[in-house]
Structures are given as structure tokens and as C-alpha cells.
Amino acid sequence: MKSFVKVCWHDACDEEKTWVAAADVEAFAQEPCEVVSWGWLVSQTQKYVTLAADYIPGTDTYGRVTKIPKGMLVKIEEFKQE
């Protein structure tokens, strides 16, 4: 069974407005968009961590798979079930 993990990472994001004043762009550029994702750690390579939000027990079938570049990772914590 794969590990169930919490992954904190920085994602790309965009300004929701069509036209933005230069001062607003500067403020927007300063704040990272930190995301927290939970899922099964399907694989890790030198460049990516791959998570799956869904899993069908007894199979090798996953759903809602996300590939996160390692350069965007903040931390990975394994969920320990008691």
C-alpha cells in the first residue's frame, strides 16, 4: 500500500482581474500561493512527486492524479493512522 501524505507546495496562480495597476502587480507578486494536498504518494522521481486523491483497493487504479515539481515542494508529511 502506498503512503498517505500531506504535501505543502507553492503553485502558480494568476490575478483574477483582467486589467491590473502596476502597484497591484507588485503586491500580487510578493505573495506565494501555498497549497496543501492530501493523497497517496504514487511515485517520486528526481523532478516530481505524484499524488493520487483516490484509490480503488485491491487494484493498481488511481484517480485525480497530480504531478508536483519537486522545486515547488515546501514539505511532505506522512499520515500515520493509529
C-alpha atoms as a PDB file:
ATOM      1  CA  MET A   1       0.000   0.000   0.000  1.00  0.00           C
ATOM      2  CA  LYS A   2       1.243   3.471  -0.850  1.00  0.00           C
ATOM      3  CA  SER A   3       1.776   6.076   1.885  1.00  0.00           C
ATOM      4  CA  PHE A   4      -0.978   8.610   2.533  1.00  0.00           C
ATOM      5  CA  VAL A   5       0.649  12.041   2.768  1.00  0.00           C
ATOM      6  CA  LYS A   6       0.066  15.740   3.259  1.00  0.00           C
ATOM      7  CA  VAL A   7       2.031  17.821   0.736  1.00  0.00           C
ATOM      8  CA  CYS A   8       2.534  21.572   1.143  1.00  0.00           C
ATOM      9  CA  TRP A   9       3.694  23.240  -2.054  1.00  0.00           C
ATOM     10  CA  HIS A  10       3.802  26.510  -3.985  1.00  0.00           C
ATOM     11  CA  ASP A  11       1.522  26.636  -7.011  1.00  0.00           C
ATOM     12  CA  ALA A  12       1.319  29.065  -9.897  1.00  0.00           C
ATOM     13  CA  CYS A  13      -1.612  31.468  -9.688  1.00  0.00           C
ATOM     14  CA  ASP A  14      -2.955  34.441 -11.571  1.00  0.00           C
ATOM     15  CA  GLU A  15      -4.616  37.736 -10.757  1.00  0.00           C
ATOM     16  CA  GLU A  16      -8.375  37.401 -11.135  1.00  0.00           C
ATOM     17  CA  LYS A  17      -8.752  40.849 -12.711  1.00  0.00           C
ATOM     18  CA  THR A  18      -8.299  41.491 -16.425  1.00  0.00           C
ATOM     19  CA  TRP A  19      -6.514  44.844 -16.029  1.00  0.00           C
ATOM     20  CA  VAL A  20      -4.202  45.458 -13.079  1.00  0.00           C
ATOM     21  CA  ALA A  21      -2.384  48.612 -11.975  1.00  0.00           C
ATOM     22  CA  ALA A  22       1.407  48.319 -11.679  1.00  0.00           C
ATOM     23  CA  ALA A  23       1.268  48.832  -7.889  1.00  0.00           C
ATOM     24  CA  ASP A  24      -1.204  45.944  -7.584  1.00  0.00           C
ATOM     25  CA  VAL A  25       1.020  43.692  -9.693  1.00  0.00           C
ATOM     26  CA  GLU A  26       3.935  44.326  -7.345  1.00  0.00           C
ATOM     27  CA  ALA A  27       1.854  43.439  -4.275  1.00  0.00           C
ATOM     28  CA  PHE A  28       0.426  40.341  -6.025  1.00  0.00           C
ATOM     29  CA  ALA A  29       3.916  39.147  -6.983  1.00  0.00           C
ATOM     30  CA  GLN A  30       5.058  39.153  -3.336  1.00  0.00           C
ATOM     31  CA  GLU A  31       2.572  36.582  -2.003  1.00  0.00           C
ATOM     32  CA  PRO A  32       3.131  32.899  -2.805  1.00  0.00           C
ATOM     33  CA  CYS A  33       0.158  30.661  -3.433  1.00  0.00           C
ATOM     34  CA  GLU A  34       0.724  27.837  -0.944  1.00  0.00           C
ATOM     35  CA  VAL A  35      -1.412  24.750  -1.467  1.00  0.00           C
ATOM     36  CA  VAL A  36      -1.980  21.760   0.815  1.00  0.00           C
ATOM     37  CA  SER A  37      -2.766  18.477  -0.951  1.00  0.00           C
ATOM     38  CA  TRP A  38      -3.606  15.132   0.641  1.00  0.00           C
ATOM     39  CA  GLY A  39      -3.278  11.834  -1.200  1.00  0.00           C
ATOM     40  CA  TRP A  40      -1.488   8.586  -1.834  1.00  0.00           C
ATOM     41  CA  LEU A  41       2.153   9.034  -2.751  1.00  0.00           C
ATOM     42  CA  VAL A  42       2.183   7.090  -6.006  1.00  0.00           C
ATOM     43  CA  SER A  43       5.744   7.879  -7.092  1.00  0.00           C
ATOM     44  CA  GLN A  44       8.750  10.153  -6.711  1.00  0.00           C
ATOM     45  CA  THR A  45      11.381  10.936  -9.316  1.00  0.00           C
ATOM     46  CA  GLN A  46      14.277  13.379  -9.269  1.00  0.00           C
ATOM     47  CA  LYS A  47      11.926  16.050 -10.641  1.00  0.00           C
ATOM     48  CA  TYR A  48       8.389  15.200  -9.464  1.00  0.00           C
ATOM     49  CA  VAL A  49       6.195  13.867  -6.694  1.00  0.00           C
ATOM     50  CA  THR A  50       2.990  12.198  -7.914  1.00  0.00           C
ATOM     51  CA  LEU A  51      -0.106  12.062  -5.686  1.00  0.00           C
ATOM     52  CA  ALA A  52      -3.465  10.416  -6.203  1.00  0.00           C
ATOM     53  CA  ALA A  53      -6.568  11.663  -4.380  1.00  0.00           C
ATOM     54  CA  ASP A  54      -8.497   8.440  -4.989  1.00  0.00           C
ATOM     55  CA  TYR A  55      -7.577   4.768  -4.918  1.00  0.00           C
ATOM     56  CA  ILE A  56      -9.544   1.577  -5.638  1.00  0.00           C
ATOM     57  CA  PRO A  57      -8.460  -1.028  -3.041  1.00  0.00           C
ATOM     58  CA  GLY A  58      -7.241  -4.347  -4.403  1.00  0.00           C
ATOM     59  CA  THR A  59      -6.269  -2.769  -7.722  1.00  0.00           C
ATOM     60  CA  ASP A  60      -3.499  -0.603  -9.095  1.00  0.00           C
ATOM     61  CA  THR A  61      -6.034   2.072 -10.110  1.00  0.00           C
ATOM     62  CA  TYR A  62      -5.860   5.720  -9.037  1.00  0.00           C
ATOM     63  CA  GLY A  63      -7.953   8.820  -9.675  1.00  0.00           C
ATOM     64  CA  ARG A  64      -7.344  12.582  -9.653  1.00  0.00           C
ATOM     65  CA  VAL A  65      -3.593  12.193 -10.077  1.00  0.00           C
ATOM     66  CA  THR A  66      -1.427  15.299  -9.570  1.00  0.00           C
ATOM     67  CA  LYS A  67       2.239  15.682 -10.524  1.00  0.00           C
ATOM     68  CA  ILE A  68       4.042  18.350  -8.442  1.00  0.00           C
ATOM     69  CA  PRO A  69       7.514  19.609  -9.412  1.00  0.00           C
ATOM     70  CA  LYS A  70       9.938  18.994  -6.533  1.00  0.00           C
ATOM     71  CA  GLY A  71      11.205  22.572  -6.777  1.00  0.00           C
ATOM     72  CA  MET A  72       7.752  23.742  -5.646  1.00  0.00           C
ATOM     73  CA  LEU A  73       7.590  21.491  -2.548  1.00  0.00           C
ATOM     74  CA  VAL A  74       7.579  23.022   0.908  1.00  0.00           C
ATOM     75  CA  LYS A  75       7.206  19.766   2.877  1.00  0.00           C
ATOM     76  CA  ILE A  76       5.771  16.253   2.796  1.00  0.00           C
ATOM     77  CA  GLU A  77       4.352  14.643   5.935  1.00  0.00           C
ATOM     78  CA  GLU A  78       3.238  11.018   6.099  1.00  0.00           C
ATOM     79  CA  PHE A  79      -0.164  10.490   7.713  1.00  0.00           C
ATOM     80  CA  LYS A  80       0.157   7.936  10.493  1.00  0.00           C
ATOM     81  CA  GLN A  81      -3.051   6.055  11.182  1.00  0.00           C
ATOM     82  CA  GLU A  82      -3.414   4.989  14.804  1.00  0.00           C
END
